[in-house]
Amino acid sequence: MFKPIPIKRSDQFYSNYWVGYSLKLMREVDFFGDLQYEYWLQVETDPDISEFCERPIIIDGVLEGKRKKTQFDMYLKKRDGKKTLVKILYSSKQDSPLRALEKLYCEKNGFEYICISELDIRQNPIALSNRKQIITTLCNRKQPIDIDLRKLYLAIKKCTKWQLNMHATCHFKLLMQ
């Protein structure tokens, strides 16, 4: 597995800095930007993902005669053994020539490549809100207490049946692990 590339808060200007605790990894994780944090919420609550790493690797290559560097935002390993490298960008920046360099690296090294935008991450604001509440509830204590589990249950109970079927199933699987 990869180890996250260390970052300093001063490395990125105009970005929000997020710190969370991953129950999957049993360690703190940190992110620059809202999109990376919101994607982590999806990864952390997805029962099909067994492990992950934020900022796993920086690659470099030659594009248009110039040496370029790019960094993947997330490495994912699913329970079925499939390994994926993820790039998270705003949709306005997805047409960069660096995407070709990332795809080529993944093909040569046996990774699936995914480029995700805010349109994918934020397509369901209710599910995102539920994930934030679940992570907050579960990560504040090593072992959730009954009151927190009850609050979580009541919040999920307020969802419509469709929302519950579509989005809460994975959360209950996570709670039952």
Protein backbone atom coordinates (compact mmCIF):
# COMPACT_ATOMS: atom_id res chain seq x y z
CA MET A 1 0.00 0.00 0.00
CA PHE A 2 1.05 3.59 -0.56
CA LYS A 3 1.87 6.06 2.18
CA PRO A 4 0.44 9.59 1.86
CA ILE A 5 2.79 12.24 0.57
CA PRO A 6 3.23 14.69 3.46
CA ILE A 7 1.78 18.15 3.03
CA LYS A 8 2.08 21.46 4.83
CA ARG A 9 -0.83 23.80 5.17
CA SER A 10 1.28 26.51 3.56
CA ASP A 11 1.77 24.40 0.41
CA GLN A 12 -1.61 25.29 -1.06
CA PHE A 13 -3.07 28.76 -1.22
CA TYR A 14 -6.81 29.42 -1.32
CA SER A 15 -7.73 25.87 -0.29
CA ASN A 16 -9.59 24.63 2.72
CA TYR A 17 -7.62 22.21 4.87
CA TRP A 18 -9.52 19.22 6.25
CA VAL A 19 -8.45 16.68 8.84
CA GLY A 20 -10.46 13.57 9.65
CA TYR A 21 -10.02 10.23 11.34
CA SER A 22 -10.40 7.14 9.17
CA LEU A 23 -11.85 4.10 10.89
CA LYS A 24 -10.78 2.00 7.90
CA LEU A 25 -7.14 2.99 8.24
CA MET A 26 -7.18 3.74 11.98
CA ARG A 27 -5.26 6.99 11.42
CA GLU A 28 -5.73 10.68 10.70
CA VAL A 29 -6.20 11.71 7.09
CA ASP A 30 -5.85 15.24 5.73
CA PHE A 31 -6.96 16.94 2.55
CA PHE A 32 -6.65 20.21 0.70
CA GLY A 33 -9.97 21.33 -0.68
CA ASP A 34 -13.61 20.53 -0.23
CA LEU A 35 -13.78 18.07 -3.13
CA GLN A 36 -11.06 15.81 -1.71
CA TYR A 37 -12.73 15.86 1.71
CA GLU A 38 -16.18 15.11 0.28
CA TYR A 39 -14.79 12.29 -1.84
CA TRP A 40 -13.11 10.84 1.25
CA LEU A 41 -16.53 10.75 2.93
CA GLN A 42 -17.75 8.54 0.08
CA VAL A 43 -14.68 6.31 0.25
CA GLU A 44 -14.82 5.97 4.04
CA THR A 45 -18.48 4.93 3.97
CA ASP A 46 -18.22 2.59 0.97
CA PRO A 47 -18.12 -1.00 2.25
CA ASP A 48 -16.65 -2.26 -1.05
CA ILE A 49 -13.42 -0.29 -0.49
CA SER A 50 -11.10 -2.11 1.90
CA GLU A 51 -8.22 0.38 1.97
CA PHE A 52 -7.18 3.70 0.50
CA CYS A 53 -4.46 6.32 0.65
CA GLU A 54 -4.74 10.06 0.11
CA ARG A 55 -2.04 11.69 -2.08
CA PRO A 56 -0.44 8.32 -2.90
CA ILE A 57 2.05 9.20 -5.63
CA ILE A 58 3.51 11.98 -7.76
CA ILE A 59 4.39 11.04 -11.31
CA ASP A 60 6.35 12.98 -13.89
CA GLY A 61 6.69 12.78 -17.63
CA VAL A 62 7.26 14.81 -20.75
CA LEU A 63 4.31 16.62 -22.32
CA GLU A 64 4.70 18.95 -25.27
CA GLY A 65 8.47 18.88 -24.82
CA LYS A 66 8.32 19.99 -21.17
CA ARG A 67 8.76 18.00 -17.97
CA LYS A 68 5.48 17.93 -16.03
CA LYS A 69 4.48 16.56 -12.63
CA THR A 70 1.06 15.49 -11.45
CA GLN A 71 -0.24 13.96 -8.24
CA PHE A 72 -3.07 11.49 -7.81
CA ASP A 73 -5.54 12.38 -5.08
CA MET A 74 -6.49 8.90 -3.91
CA TYR A 75 -5.50 5.25 -4.19
CA LEU A 76 -8.36 2.76 -3.66
CA LYS A 77 -8.29 -0.98 -3.16
CA LYS A 78 -11.62 -2.74 -3.36
CA ARG A 79 -12.48 -5.96 -1.56
CA ASP A 80 -12.31 -7.84 -4.87
CA GLY A 81 -8.64 -6.78 -5.24
CA LYS A 82 -9.18 -4.11 -7.91
CA LYS A 83 -6.78 -1.16 -7.53
CA THR A 84 -7.64 2.34 -8.69
CA LEU A 85 -5.89 5.71 -8.80
CA VAL A 86 -8.23 8.70 -8.60
CA LYS A 87 -7.80 12.29 -9.70
CA ILE A 88 -10.29 14.80 -8.26
CA LEU A 89 -10.79 18.02 -10.19
CA TYR A 90 -13.38 20.65 -10.89
CA SER A 91 -15.09 19.91 -14.20
CA SER A 92 -13.57 23.04 -15.77
CA LYS A 93 -10.06 21.57 -15.33
CA GLN A 94 -10.63 18.02 -16.55
CA ASP A 95 -9.40 18.65 -20.11
CA SER A 96 -5.78 19.20 -19.10
CA PRO A 97 -3.07 17.31 -21.03
CA LEU A 98 -1.92 15.94 -17.67
CA ARG A 99 -4.91 13.55 -17.73
CA ALA A 100 -3.22 11.69 -20.62
CA LEU A 101 -0.05 11.30 -18.55
CA GLU A 102 -2.08 9.94 -15.62
CA LYS A 103 -3.98 7.48 -17.83
CA LEU A 104 -0.75 6.23 -19.39
CA TYR A 105 0.81 5.68 -15.97
CA CYS A 106 -2.21 3.68 -14.81
CA GLU A 107 -2.26 1.52 -17.95
CA LYS A 108 1.45 0.70 -17.62
CA ASN A 109 1.19 -0.12 -13.92
CA GLY A 110 -2.08 -2.08 -13.79
CA PHE A 111 -4.32 0.49 -12.12
CA GLU A 112 -7.79 1.56 -13.09
CA TYR A 113 -7.91 5.34 -13.63
CA ILE A 114 -10.82 7.52 -12.55
CA CYS A 115 -11.11 11.30 -12.90
CA ILE A 116 -13.91 12.62 -10.70
CA SER A 117 -15.44 16.10 -10.65
CA GLU A 118 -17.69 18.06 -8.33
CA LEU A 119 -20.61 16.98 -10.52
CA ASP A 120 -20.02 13.35 -9.52
CA ILE A 121 -19.24 14.02 -5.86
CA ARG A 122 -22.08 16.46 -5.21
CA GLN A 123 -24.80 14.88 -7.35
CA ASN A 124 -26.74 13.82 -4.24
CA PRO A 125 -26.51 16.43 -1.45
CA ILE A 126 -28.67 14.34 0.92
CA ALA A 127 -26.31 11.37 0.70
CA LEU A 128 -23.35 13.69 1.26
CA SER A 129 -25.02 15.22 4.31
CA ASN A 130 -25.78 11.75 5.69
CA ARG A 131 -22.17 10.69 5.21
CA LYS A 132 -20.93 13.75 7.09
CA GLN A 133 -23.24 12.94 10.00
CA ILE A 134 -22.24 9.27 10.03
CA ILE A 135 -18.52 10.03 10.00
CA THR A 136 -18.89 12.66 12.71
CA THR A 137 -20.89 10.28 14.88
CA LEU A 138 -18.63 7.28 14.44
CA CYS A 139 -15.27 9.03 14.55
CA ASN A 140 -15.79 11.03 17.72
CA ARG A 141 -15.41 7.86 19.79
CA LYS A 142 -13.55 4.59 19.41
CA GLN A 143 -16.84 2.79 20.19
CA PRO A 144 -20.06 4.68 19.39
CA ILE A 145 -22.41 5.02 22.33
CA ASP A 146 -26.11 4.16 22.16
CA ILE A 147 -27.20 7.82 22.08
CA ASP A 148 -25.09 8.49 18.97
CA LEU A 149 -26.36 5.35 17.26
CA ARG A 150 -29.93 6.39 18.08
CA LYS A 151 -29.38 9.91 16.62
CA LEU A 152 -27.94 8.34 13.50
CA TYR A 153 -30.86 5.93 13.23
CA LEU A 154 -33.40 8.77 13.59
CA ALA A 155 -31.61 10.90 10.98
CA ILE A 156 -31.65 8.06 8.48
CA LYS A 157 -35.27 7.22 9.35
CA LYS A 158 -36.30 10.71 8.16
CA CYS A 159 -35.16 9.87 4.62
CA THR A 160 -37.71 8.78 2.09
CA LYS A 161 -37.81 5.08 1.25
CA TRP A 162 -36.09 5.77 -2.08
CA GLN A 163 -33.27 7.70 -0.42
CA LEU A 164 -32.93 5.06 2.24
CA ASN A 165 -32.75 2.25 -0.29
CA MET A 166 -30.34 4.09 -2.57
CA HIS A 167 -27.93 5.54 -0.04
CA ALA A 168 -28.29 4.22 3.47
CA THR A 169 -27.67 0.55 2.77
CA CYS A 170 -23.92 1.04 2.68
CA HIS A 171 -24.03 3.05 5.92
CA PHE A 172 -25.82 0.26 7.76
CA LYS A 173 -23.29 -2.24 6.40
CA LEU A 174 -20.53 -0.02 7.76
CA LEU A 175 -22.21 0.18 11.16
CA MET A 176 -22.64 -3.58 11.32
CA GLN A 177 -18.96 -4.34 10.60
